[in-house]
Amino acid sequence: MTERIRWPVVVDRAREIVNGYAPLKVTLRQCMYRLVSEGVLPHTAPMYRRLSAQLAQARR
């Protein structure tokens, strides 16, 4: 069974990744691959879509 995703933690880590690239821009795909390589998220299409929705909500 997989561990439940703690989205506030994921969003915070994504924010750190994006800020680390400043002043360059980061794509959602780049952020996803960093999170996958760190073991924060599994590499699946549904997870990519969910990350997209979570980060869009965080930006608003």
PDB file of N, CA and C in Angstrom:
ATOM      1  N   MET A   1       0.841  -1.184   0.000  1.00  0.00           N
ATOM      2  CA  MET A   1       0.000   0.000   0.000  1.00  0.00           C
ATOM      3  C   MET A   1       0.887   1.249   0.000  1.00  0.00           C
ATOM      4  N   THR A   2       0.496   2.241  -0.746  1.00  0.00           N
ATOM      5  CA  THR A   2       1.299   3.453  -0.866  1.00  0.00           C
ATOM      6  C   THR A   2       0.977   4.430   0.264  1.00  0.00           C
ATOM      7  N   GLU A   3       1.949   5.258   0.546  1.00  0.00           N
ATOM      8  CA  GLU A   3       1.782   6.266   1.585  1.00  0.00           C
ATOM      9  C   GLU A   3       0.919   7.409   1.061  1.00  0.00           C
ATOM     10  N   ARG A   4       0.100   7.961   1.924  1.00  0.00           N
ATOM     11  CA  ARG A   4      -0.763   9.089   1.557  1.00  0.00           C
ATOM     12  C   ARG A   4       0.096  10.327   1.300  1.00  0.00           C
ATOM     13  N   ILE A   5      -0.232  11.063   0.243  1.00  0.00           N
ATOM     14  CA  ILE A   5       0.505  12.276  -0.124  1.00  0.00           C
ATOM     15  C   ILE A   5       0.087  13.415   0.802  1.00  0.00           C
ATOM     16  N   ARG A   6       1.045  14.056   1.419  1.00  0.00           N
ATOM     17  CA  ARG A   6       0.774  15.227   2.254  1.00  0.00           C
ATOM     18  C   ARG A   6       1.018  16.460   1.388  1.00  0.00           C
ATOM     19  N   TRP A   7      -0.056  16.970   0.792  1.00  0.00           N
ATOM     20  CA  TRP A   7       0.060  18.031  -0.200  1.00  0.00           C
ATOM     21  C   TRP A   7       0.656  19.334   0.321  1.00  0.00           C
ATOM     22  N   PRO A   8       0.384  19.761   1.534  1.00  0.00           N
ATOM     23  CA  PRO A   8       1.043  20.992   2.011  1.00  0.00           C
ATOM     24  C   PRO A   8       2.572  20.854   2.006  1.00  0.00           C
ATOM     25  N   VAL A   9       3.070  19.665   2.345  1.00  0.00           N
ATOM     26  CA  VAL A   9       4.519  19.422   2.333  1.00  0.00           C
ATOM     27  C   VAL A   9       5.038  19.450   0.902  1.00  0.00           C
ATOM     28  N   VAL A  10       4.301  18.835  -0.017  1.00  0.00           N
ATOM     29  CA  VAL A  10       4.702  18.802  -1.430  1.00  0.00           C
ATOM     30  C   VAL A  10       4.721  20.218  -2.007  1.00  0.00           C
ATOM     31  N   VAL A  11       3.691  20.998  -1.713  1.00  0.00           N
ATOM     32  CA  VAL A  11       3.611  22.370  -2.224  1.00  0.00           C
ATOM     33  C   VAL A  11       4.755  23.218  -1.670  1.00  0.00           C
ATOM     34  N   ASP A  12       5.065  23.040  -0.396  1.00  0.00           N
ATOM     35  CA  ASP A  12       6.194  23.775   0.193  1.00  0.00           C
ATOM     36  C   ASP A  12       7.507  23.401  -0.484  1.00  0.00           C
ATOM     37  N   ARG A  13       7.702  22.108  -0.739  1.00  0.00           N
ATOM     38  CA  ARG A  13       8.944  21.668  -1.404  1.00  0.00           C
ATOM     39  C   ARG A  13       8.985  22.193  -2.835  1.00  0.00           C
ATOM     40  N   ALA A  14       7.863  22.192  -3.525  1.00  0.00           N
ATOM     41  CA  ALA A  14       7.807  22.730  -4.888  1.00  0.00           C
ATOM     42  C   ALA A  14       8.160  24.216  -4.883  1.00  0.00           C
ATOM     43  N   ARG A  15       7.689  24.942  -3.886  1.00  0.00           N
ATOM     44  CA  ARG A  15       8.008  26.364  -3.759  1.00  0.00           C
ATOM     45  C   ARG A  15       9.519  26.555  -3.584  1.00  0.00           C
ATOM     46  N   GLU A  16      10.137  25.712  -2.776  1.00  0.00           N
ATOM     47  CA  GLU A  16      11.588  25.774  -2.578  1.00  0.00           C
ATOM     48  C   GLU A  16      12.336  25.495  -3.879  1.00  0.00           C
ATOM     49  N   ILE A  17      11.853  24.527  -4.641  1.00  0.00           N
ATOM     50  CA  ILE A  17      12.484  24.193  -5.928  1.00  0.00           C
ATOM     51  C   ILE A  17      12.402  25.384  -6.868  1.00  0.00           C
ATOM     52  N   VAL A  18      11.215  25.964  -6.990  1.00  0.00           N
ATOM     53  CA  VAL A  18      11.023  27.108  -7.894  1.00  0.00           C
ATOM     54  C   VAL A  18      11.887  28.286  -7.461  1.00  0.00           C
ATOM     55  N   ASN A  19      11.896  28.577  -6.171  1.00  0.00           N
ATOM     56  CA  ASN A  19      12.710  29.686  -5.671  1.00  0.00           C
ATOM     57  C   ASN A  19      14.199  29.432  -5.868  1.00  0.00           C
ATOM     58  N   GLY A  20      14.611  28.189  -5.863  1.00  0.00           N
ATOM     59  CA  GLY A  20      16.007  27.839  -6.069  1.00  0.00           C
ATOM     60  C   GLY A  20      16.497  28.128  -7.479  1.00  0.00           C
ATOM     61  N   TYR A  21      15.591  28.192  -8.424  1.00  0.00           N
ATOM     62  CA  TYR A  21      15.946  28.474  -9.816  1.00  0.00           C
ATOM     63  C   TYR A  21      15.904  29.963 -10.146  1.00  0.00           C
ATOM     64  N   ALA A  22      15.396  30.778  -9.221  1.00  0.00           N
ATOM     65  CA  ALA A  22      15.228  32.213  -9.491  1.00  0.00           C
ATOM     66  C   ALA A  22      16.555  32.824  -9.912  1.00  0.00           C
ATOM     67  N   PRO A  23      16.572  33.692 -10.878  1.00  0.00           N
ATOM     68  CA  PRO A  23      15.440  34.329 -11.549  1.00  0.00           C
ATOM     69  C   PRO A  23      14.927  33.544 -12.757  1.00  0.00           C
ATOM     70  N   LEU A  24      15.437  32.341 -12.979  1.00  0.00           N
ATOM     71  CA  LEU A  24      14.947  31.526 -14.096  1.00  0.00           C
ATOM     72  C   LEU A  24      13.551  31.004 -13.801  1.00  0.00           C
ATOM     73  N   LYS A  25      12.831  30.675 -14.863  1.00  0.00           N
ATOM     74  CA  LYS A  25      11.493  30.106 -14.717  1.00  0.00           C
ATOM     75  C   LYS A  25      11.603  28.581 -14.720  1.00  0.00           C
ATOM     76  N   VAL A  26      10.666  27.933 -14.055  1.00  0.00           N
ATOM     77  CA  VAL A  26      10.639  26.477 -13.937  1.00  0.00           C
ATOM     78  C   VAL A  26       9.306  25.981 -14.479  1.00  0.00           C
ATOM     79  N   THR A  27       9.356  24.927 -15.280  1.00  0.00           N
ATOM     80  CA  THR A  27       8.117  24.337 -15.787  1.00  0.00           C
ATOM     81  C   THR A  27       7.560  23.356 -14.766  1.00  0.00           C
ATOM     82  N   LEU A  28       6.302  23.049 -14.912  1.00  0.00           N
ATOM     83  CA  LEU A  28       5.668  22.054 -14.055  1.00  0.00           C
ATOM     84  C   LEU A  28       6.394  20.717 -14.194  1.00  0.00           C
ATOM     85  N   ARG A  29       6.770  20.373 -15.407  1.00  0.00           N
ATOM     86  CA  ARG A  29       7.462  19.100 -15.655  1.00  0.00           C
ATOM     87  C   ARG A  29       8.798  19.056 -14.921  1.00  0.00           C
ATOM     88  N   GLN A  30       9.555  20.156 -14.950  1.00  0.00           N
ATOM     89  CA  GLN A  30      10.826  20.197 -14.232  1.00  0.00           C
ATOM     90  C   GLN A  30      10.604  19.989 -12.737  1.00  0.00           C
ATOM     91  N   CYS A  31       9.615  20.652 -12.215  1.00  0.00           N
ATOM     92  CA  CYS A  31       9.297  20.536 -10.799  1.00  0.00           C
ATOM     93  C   CYS A  31       8.872  19.102 -10.471  1.00  0.00           C
ATOM     94  N   MET A  32       8.049  18.505 -11.310  1.00  0.00           N
ATOM     95  CA  MET A  32       7.603  17.135 -11.101  1.00  0.00           C
ATOM     96  C   MET A  32       8.790  16.187 -11.068  1.00  0.00           C
ATOM     97  N   TYR A  33       9.704  16.317 -12.029  1.00  0.00           N
ATOM     98  CA  TYR A  33      10.858  15.418 -12.072  1.00  0.00           C
ATOM     99  C   TYR A  33      11.745  15.583 -10.853  1.00  0.00           C
ATOM    100  N   ARG A  34      11.894  16.795 -10.359  1.00  0.00           N
ATOM    101  CA  ARG A  34      12.676  16.998  -9.133  1.00  0.00           C
ATOM    102  C   ARG A  34      12.002  16.307  -7.953  1.00  0.00           C
ATOM    103  N   LEU A  35      10.689  16.456  -7.846  1.00  0.00           N
ATOM    104  CA  LEU A  35       9.954  15.826  -6.750  1.00  0.00           C
ATOM    105  C   LEU A  35      10.013  14.302  -6.847  1.00  0.00           C
ATOM    106  N   VAL A  36       9.935  13.771  -8.051  1.00  0.00           N
ATOM    107  CA  VAL A  36      10.028  12.321  -8.253  1.00  0.00           C
ATOM    108  C   VAL A  36      11.424  11.832  -7.871  1.00  0.00           C
ATOM    109  N   SER A  37      12.454  12.551  -8.324  1.00  0.00           N
ATOM    110  CA  SER A  37      13.822  12.116  -8.043  1.00  0.00           C
ATOM    111  C   SER A  37      14.143  12.170  -6.550  1.00  0.00           C
ATOM    112  N   GLU A  38      13.468  13.041  -5.815  1.00  0.00           N
ATOM    113  CA  GLU A  38      13.657  13.136  -4.364  1.00  0.00           C
ATOM    114  C   GLU A  38      12.780  12.139  -3.604  1.00  0.00           C
ATOM    115  N   GLY A  39      11.931  11.418  -4.327  1.00  0.00           N
ATOM    116  CA  GLY A  39      11.066  10.433  -3.687  1.00  0.00           C
ATOM    117  C   GLY A  39       9.841  11.024  -3.019  1.00  0.00           C
ATOM    118  N   VAL A  40       9.529  12.276  -3.345  1.00  0.00           N
ATOM    119  CA  VAL A  40       8.373  12.947  -2.743  1.00  0.00           C
ATOM    120  C   VAL A  40       7.075  12.473  -3.400  1.00  0.00           C
ATOM    121  N   LEU A  41       7.115  12.261  -4.718  1.00  0.00           N
ATOM    122  CA  LEU A  41       5.940  11.821  -5.474  1.00  0.00           C
ATOM    123  C   LEU A  41       6.290  10.630  -6.354  1.00  0.00           C
ATOM    124  N   PRO A  42       5.319   9.754  -6.618  1.00  0.00           N
ATOM    125  CA  PRO A  42       5.534   8.687  -7.599  1.00  0.00           C
ATOM    126  C   PRO A  42       5.413   9.252  -9.016  1.00  0.00           C
ATOM    127  N   HIS A  43       6.064   8.599  -9.956  1.00  0.00           N
ATOM    128  CA  HIS A  43       6.058   9.060 -11.351  1.00  0.00           C
ATOM    129  C   HIS A  43       4.893   8.415 -12.095  1.00  0.00           C
ATOM    130  N   THR A  44       3.726   9.058 -12.012  1.00  0.00           N
ATOM    131  CA  THR A  44       2.538   8.576 -12.726  1.00  0.00           C
ATOM    132  C   THR A  44       1.817   9.767 -13.344  1.00  0.00           C
ATOM    133  N   ALA A  45       1.083   9.499 -14.410  1.00  0.00           N
ATOM    134  CA  ALA A  45       0.329  10.566 -15.078  1.00  0.00           C
ATOM    135  C   ALA A  45      -0.733  11.178 -14.147  1.00  0.00           C
ATOM    136  N   PRO A  46      -1.481  10.358 -13.389  1.00  0.00           N
ATOM    137  CA  PRO A  46      -2.465  10.972 -12.480  1.00  0.00           C
ATOM    138  C   PRO A  46      -1.801  11.869 -11.420  1.00  0.00           C
ATOM    139  N   MET A  47      -0.620  11.490 -10.962  1.00  0.00           N
ATOM    140  CA  MET A  47       0.069  12.303  -9.962  1.00  0.00           C
ATOM    141  C   MET A  47       0.522  13.624 -10.571  1.00  0.00           C
ATOM    142  N   TYR A  48       0.929  13.608 -11.840  1.00  0.00           N
ATOM    143  CA  TYR A  48       1.325  14.830 -12.542  1.00  0.00           C
ATOM    144  C   TYR A  48       0.133  15.790 -12.632  1.00  0.00           C
ATOM    145  N   ARG A  49      -1.028  15.250 -12.980  1.00  0.00           N
ATOM    146  CA  ARG A  49      -2.236  16.080 -13.071  1.00  0.00           C
ATOM    147  C   ARG A  49      -2.633  16.617 -11.702  1.00  0.00           C
ATOM    148  N   ARG A  50      -2.494  15.802 -10.678  1.00  0.00           N
ATOM    149  CA  ARG A  50      -2.836  16.244  -9.325  1.00  0.00           C
ATOM    150  C   ARG A  50      -1.871  17.329  -8.856  1.00  0.00           C
ATOM    151  N   LEU A  51      -0.577  17.162  -9.159  1.00  0.00           N
ATOM    152  CA  LEU A  51       0.398  18.192  -8.815  1.00  0.00           C
ATOM    153  C   LEU A  51       0.046  19.487  -9.511  1.00  0.00           C
ATOM    154  N   SER A  52      -0.321  19.417 -10.769  1.00  0.00           N
ATOM    155  CA  SER A  52      -0.713  20.597 -11.523  1.00  0.00           C
ATOM    156  C   SER A  52      -1.865  21.324 -10.825  1.00  0.00           C
ATOM    157  N   ALA A  53      -2.878  20.569 -10.427  1.00  0.00           N
ATOM    158  CA  ALA A  53      -4.041  21.170  -9.757  1.00  0.00           C
ATOM    159  C   ALA A  53      -3.655  21.775  -8.406  1.00  0.00           C
ATOM    160  N   GLN A  54      -2.824  21.079  -7.653  1.00  0.00           N
ATOM    161  CA  GLN A  54      -2.421  21.569  -6.336  1.00  0.00           C
ATOM    162  C   GLN A  54      -1.587  22.849  -6.444  1.00  0.00           C
ATOM    163  N   LEU A  55      -0.664  22.891  -7.402  1.00  0.00           N
ATOM    164  CA  LEU A  55       0.175  24.075  -7.550  1.00  0.00           C
ATOM    165  C   LEU A  55      -0.612  25.259  -8.107  1.00  0.00           C
ATOM    166  N   ALA A  56      -1.583  24.977  -8.986  1.00  0.00           N
ATOM    167  CA  ALA A  56      -2.439  26.056  -9.495  1.00  0.00           C
ATOM    168  C   ALA A  56      -3.255  26.651  -8.351  1.00  0.00           C
ATOM    169  N   GLN A  57      -3.766  25.794  -7.479  1.00  0.00           N
ATOM    170  CA  GLN A  57      -4.536  26.280  -6.328  1.00  0.00           C
ATOM    171  C   GLN A  57      -3.634  27.081  -5.389  1.00  0.00           C
ATOM    172  N   ALA A  58      -2.409  26.634  -5.195  1.00  0.00           N
ATOM    173  CA  ALA A  58      -1.467  27.356  -4.316  1.00  0.00           C
ATOM    174  C   ALA A  58      -1.114  28.728  -4.886  1.00  0.00           C
ATOM    175  N   ARG A  59      -1.023  28.832  -6.212  1.00  0.00           N
ATOM    176  CA  ARG A  59      -0.705  30.133  -6.833  1.00  0.00           C
ATOM    177  C   ARG A  59      -1.839  31.121  -6.635  1.00  0.00           C
ATOM    178  N   ARG A  60      -3.077  30.622  -6.656  1.00  0.00           N
ATOM    179  CA  ARG A  60      -4.240  31.502  -6.491  1.00  0.00           C
ATOM    180  C   ARG A  60      -4.293  31.983  -5.077  1.00  0.00           C
TER     181      ARG A  60
END
